[in-house]
Protein backbone atom coordinates (compact mmCIF):
# COMPACT_ATOMS: atom_id res chain seq x y z
CA LEU A 1 -2.39 2.82 4.04
CA LYS A 2 -0.90 6.21 3.52
CA SER A 3 -1.55 9.27 1.42
CA SER A 4 0.62 12.37 1.23
CA SER A 5 -1.59 14.28 3.71
CA LYS A 6 -3.48 12.80 6.70
CA LYS A 7 -2.95 9.09 7.18
CA SER A 8 -1.50 6.26 9.21
CA MET A 9 -2.26 2.75 10.48
CA THR A 10 -2.09 0.53 13.55
CA ARG A 11 -2.06 -2.94 15.17
CA THR A 12 -2.59 -4.34 18.65
CA ALA A 13 0.30 -5.16 20.95
CA PHE A 14 -0.33 -8.84 20.34
CA ALA A 15 -0.90 -8.52 16.59
CA LEU A 16 1.15 -7.46 13.60
CA SER A 17 3.10 -4.24 14.17
CA LEU A 18 2.58 -1.72 11.39
CA LEU A 19 4.33 1.39 10.12
CA ILE A 20 1.98 4.34 9.96
CA VAL A 21 1.84 7.93 8.86
CA ALA A 22 0.78 10.24 11.64
CA VAL A 23 -1.67 13.05 10.95
CA ALA A 24 -0.09 16.45 11.57
CA SER A 25 -1.21 19.64 9.83
CA GLY A 26 -0.62 18.35 6.34
CA GLN A 27 2.78 16.88 7.24
CA THR A 28 3.33 13.17 7.70
CA THR A 29 5.99 11.28 9.59
CA ALA A 30 6.52 7.53 9.50
CA THR A 31 5.91 6.27 13.03
CA PRO A 32 5.35 2.76 14.46
CA ILE A 33 2.26 2.55 16.68
CA VAL A 34 -0.15 -0.15 17.81
CA LEU A 35 -3.81 -0.56 17.02
CA GLN A 36 -6.45 0.46 19.51
CA PRO A 37 -7.82 -2.65 21.28
CA GLY A 38 -10.63 -4.26 19.34
CA ASN A 39 -10.01 -2.88 15.87
CA ASP A 40 -8.19 -6.04 14.80
CA GLN A 41 -11.08 -8.22 15.95
CA PRO A 42 -13.80 -9.47 13.56
CA TYR A 43 -16.55 -6.85 13.38
CA GLN A 44 -19.42 -7.56 11.04
CA CYS A 45 -22.60 -5.55 10.58
CA ASP A 46 -25.82 -7.20 9.44
CA ALA A 47 -25.76 -6.44 5.73
CA SER A 48 -29.14 -7.99 4.91
CA GLN A 49 -30.78 -4.57 4.57
CA ALA A 50 -27.81 -2.80 3.02
CA THR A 51 -27.69 -1.38 -0.48
CA PHE A 52 -24.39 -2.04 -2.22
CA VAL A 53 -23.35 0.24 -5.03
CA ALA A 54 -22.51 -1.14 -8.45
CA PRO A 55 -20.11 -2.51 -9.45
CA THR A 56 -19.03 -5.28 -7.09
CA PHE A 57 -15.60 -4.46 -5.70
CA PRO A 58 -13.23 -7.36 -4.95
CA LEU A 59 -11.99 -7.50 -1.36
CA TYR A 60 -8.20 -7.31 -1.45
CA LYS A 61 -6.10 -7.82 1.67
CA GLN A 62 -2.91 -5.81 1.85
CA CYS A 63 -1.05 -8.62 3.62
CA ASP A 64 -1.97 -11.21 0.99
CA PRO A 65 1.26 -13.17 0.36
CA LYS A 66 0.93 -12.47 -3.38
CA TRP A 67 1.91 -8.83 -2.75
CA GLY A 68 2.14 -8.16 0.99
CA SER A 69 5.95 -8.21 1.04
CA ASP A 70 6.29 -5.98 -2.06
CA LEU A 71 8.12 -2.75 -1.36
CA ILE A 72 6.47 0.64 -1.68
CA GLU A 73 9.62 2.69 -1.13
CA THR A 74 11.25 1.59 2.10
CA THR A 75 8.44 -0.47 3.64
CA THR A 76 5.88 -2.98 2.43
CA VAL A 77 2.34 -3.10 1.10
CA CYS A 78 1.37 -5.19 4.12
CA LYS A 79 2.56 -2.52 6.53
CA VAL A 80 1.27 0.66 4.89
CA GLY A 81 -0.78 -0.28 1.84
CA CYS A 82 -4.41 0.24 2.89
CA LEU A 83 -5.14 3.35 0.80
CA MET A 84 -3.47 1.93 -2.30
CA SER A 85 -5.23 -1.42 -1.79
CA SER A 86 -8.60 0.34 -1.50
CA ILE A 87 -7.95 2.18 -4.76
CA SER A 88 -6.93 -1.04 -6.52
CA SER A 89 -10.20 -2.66 -5.41
CA ALA A 90 -12.14 0.24 -6.93
CA LEU A 91 -10.14 0.03 -10.16
CA ALA A 92 -10.81 -3.71 -10.43
CA GLY A 93 -14.51 -3.19 -9.80
CA TYR A 94 -14.63 -0.84 -12.78
CA ASN A 95 -12.59 -3.25 -14.92
CA PHE A 96 -9.53 -1.05 -15.21
CA THR A 97 -6.41 -2.94 -16.17
CA ILE A 98 -2.80 -2.00 -15.48
CA ASP A 99 -0.39 -2.79 -18.29
CA GLY A 100 -2.86 -5.43 -19.47
CA GLN A 101 -3.21 -7.03 -16.04
CA VAL A 102 -6.08 -7.07 -13.55
CA ALA A 103 -5.83 -4.22 -11.04
CA THR A 104 -4.64 -5.59 -7.69
CA PRO A 105 -2.52 -4.15 -4.87
CA GLY A 106 0.41 -5.91 -6.56
CA THR A 107 -0.05 -4.49 -10.06
CA LEU A 108 -1.07 -1.01 -8.89
CA ASN A 109 1.85 -0.75 -6.48
CA GLN A 110 4.30 -1.82 -9.18
CA TRP A 111 2.88 0.80 -11.57
CA LEU A 112 2.94 3.56 -8.95
CA ARG A 113 6.57 2.82 -8.12
CA THR A 114 7.54 3.60 -11.71
CA HIS A 115 5.20 6.59 -12.21
CA ASP A 116 6.08 8.88 -9.29
CA GLY A 117 3.24 7.48 -7.25
CA TYR A 118 4.94 7.66 -3.85
CA THR A 119 7.03 10.04 -1.84
CA LYS A 120 10.29 8.87 -0.32
CA GLN A 121 8.37 8.53 2.95
CA ASN A 122 6.08 5.86 1.40
CA ASP A 123 3.17 8.29 1.10
CA LEU A 124 0.77 7.77 -1.80
CA GLU A 125 0.45 10.63 -4.28
CA GLU A 126 -3.24 10.24 -5.09
CA GLY A 127 -3.00 12.42 -8.19
CA ALA A 128 -0.68 9.87 -9.80
CA VAL A 129 -3.56 7.38 -10.03
CA SER A 130 -5.31 9.50 -12.65
CA LYS A 131 -2.28 9.03 -14.94
CA LEU A 132 -3.44 5.45 -15.51
CA SER A 133 -6.21 6.85 -17.71
CA PRO A 134 -6.46 10.66 -17.59
CA SER A 135 -9.70 10.75 -19.59
CA LYS A 136 -11.45 8.31 -17.26
CA ILE A 137 -10.00 8.75 -13.76
CA GLU A 138 -10.39 12.13 -12.06
CA TRP A 139 -8.77 13.25 -8.82
CA SER A 140 -8.65 17.03 -9.24
CA CYS A 141 -12.24 18.00 -10.02
CA LYS A 142 -15.08 19.87 -8.33
CA TYR A 143 -16.44 16.67 -6.80
CA CYS A 144 -13.16 14.83 -6.29
CA GLY A 145 -10.06 15.05 -4.17
CA MET A 146 -9.21 15.19 -0.51
CA PHE A 147 -11.72 16.02 2.21
CA LEU A 148 -10.11 16.29 5.62
CA HIS A 149 -13.22 16.22 7.80
CA GLY A 150 -15.72 13.42 8.19
CA SER A 151 -18.41 16.07 8.50
CA ASP A 152 -17.75 17.08 4.87
CA PHE A 153 -20.05 14.19 4.00
CA PRO A 154 -23.24 13.91 6.04
CA PHE A 155 -24.99 10.61 5.41
CA ASP A 156 -27.39 11.89 2.76
CA LYS A 157 -24.53 13.39 0.73
CA LEU A 158 -22.52 10.18 1.08
CA VAL A 159 -25.44 8.13 -0.22
CA SER A 160 -26.02 10.54 -3.09
CA TRP A 161 -22.40 10.49 -4.22
CA MET A 162 -22.13 6.71 -3.94
CA LYS A 163 -25.27 6.33 -6.05
CA GLU A 164 -23.66 8.59 -8.64
CA GLY A 165 -20.74 6.18 -8.83
CA ARG A 166 -18.05 8.21 -7.11
CA ILE A 167 -15.26 6.26 -5.42
CA MET A 168 -15.46 7.07 -1.72
CA ILE A 169 -12.53 6.02 0.47
CA ALA A 170 -13.04 6.65 4.17
CA ASN A 171 -10.27 7.66 6.55
CA VAL A 172 -10.97 5.89 9.86
CA ASP A 173 -9.34 4.93 13.15
CA GLY A 174 -8.50 8.52 13.95
CA GLY A 175 -6.81 9.00 10.57
CA ARG A 176 -4.75 5.81 10.81
CA HIS A 177 -6.47 3.65 8.20
CA PHE A 178 -8.35 3.79 4.87
CA VAL A 179 -11.25 1.65 3.66
CA LEU A 180 -13.31 1.59 0.46
CA ALA A 181 -16.98 2.49 0.97
CA THR A 182 -19.17 -0.11 -0.75
CA GLY A 183 -22.70 0.33 0.59
CA PHE A 184 -25.16 1.86 3.01
CA ASN A 185 -28.48 1.26 4.74
CA GLU A 186 -30.76 4.26 4.30
CA ALA A 187 -32.74 3.12 7.34
CA ASP A 188 -29.58 3.18 9.47
CA PRO A 189 -27.47 6.29 8.81
CA SER A 190 -25.03 5.42 11.59
CA VAL A 191 -22.77 3.11 9.54
CA VAL A 192 -21.10 2.79 6.16
CA TYR A 193 -20.32 -0.62 4.65
CA VAL A 194 -16.77 -1.11 3.44
CA ASN A 195 -14.07 -3.30 1.98
CA ASP A 196 -11.36 -3.29 4.64
CA SER A 197 -7.95 -4.42 3.39
CA GLY A 198 -6.45 -4.58 6.87
CA PHE A 199 -9.04 -5.95 9.26
CA ASP A 200 -11.89 -8.44 9.37
CA ARG A 201 -14.80 -6.02 9.36
CA ASN A 202 -17.42 -4.92 6.84
CA CYS A 203 -18.55 -1.60 8.29
CA TYR A 204 -17.54 1.46 10.32
CA PRO A 205 -19.65 3.94 12.26
CA ILE A 206 -20.00 7.18 10.33
CA SER A 207 -18.90 8.91 13.53
CA GLU A 208 -15.46 7.28 13.18
CA VAL A 209 -14.83 8.68 9.69
CA VAL A 210 -12.42 11.63 9.93
CA GLY A 211 -11.95 12.33 6.22
CA TRP A 212 -12.45 11.10 2.66
CA ARG A 213 -10.56 10.54 -0.57
CA VAL A 214 -12.88 10.82 -3.57
CA PHE A 215 -12.24 9.77 -7.17
CA SER A 216 -14.48 9.89 -10.20
CA PHE A 217 -14.17 6.92 -12.56
CA ASN A 218 -15.68 6.89 -16.04
CA GLY A 219 -15.66 3.32 -17.30
CA GLY A 220 -12.67 1.04 -17.53
CA VAL A 221 -9.67 0.50 -19.79
């Protein structure tokens, strides 16, 4: 769920309690909060007219029992692993492997734990991901990196960059959650289609996106 800048996550009072990273002027503090009512409920947009970017990204769930209880630093993938899970989905879509294994939240988390991929506060160091394959994964480039305002990407720019194959990870729920952008409907610029590792939904309103994490991938390994 978390990156080393703006990020955090949530759950309802009657659902799973999560550990989040609160957004605060570039500083993050681990804080338990609860999800806004409704965000844990199934929410599916009609995708019949959507255009989904190539390749097909697998939908990983951060609380999958295969890796949900794995530790990041002091807490688990299930509790705070949405950003990392979104990145692992993108890696798998582009056929990247991790130590000869398919990229999953389990394999990526294990690799990050041994390659300075997290802070002691369980925050993801996005730049560490590029160490998997420095010639093929870019984080620090003109068209990559951290964008802290949803308005940095008006719909036409979002569509253009997705068509160019950039990995677009949206920061939603007021900065509390991350999802991998997978598609769009050019006739309906109000939503972006996503893989959501935490909740049962396939889209978010563009108006709810408060920032982006953008990677450039060049093939797989």
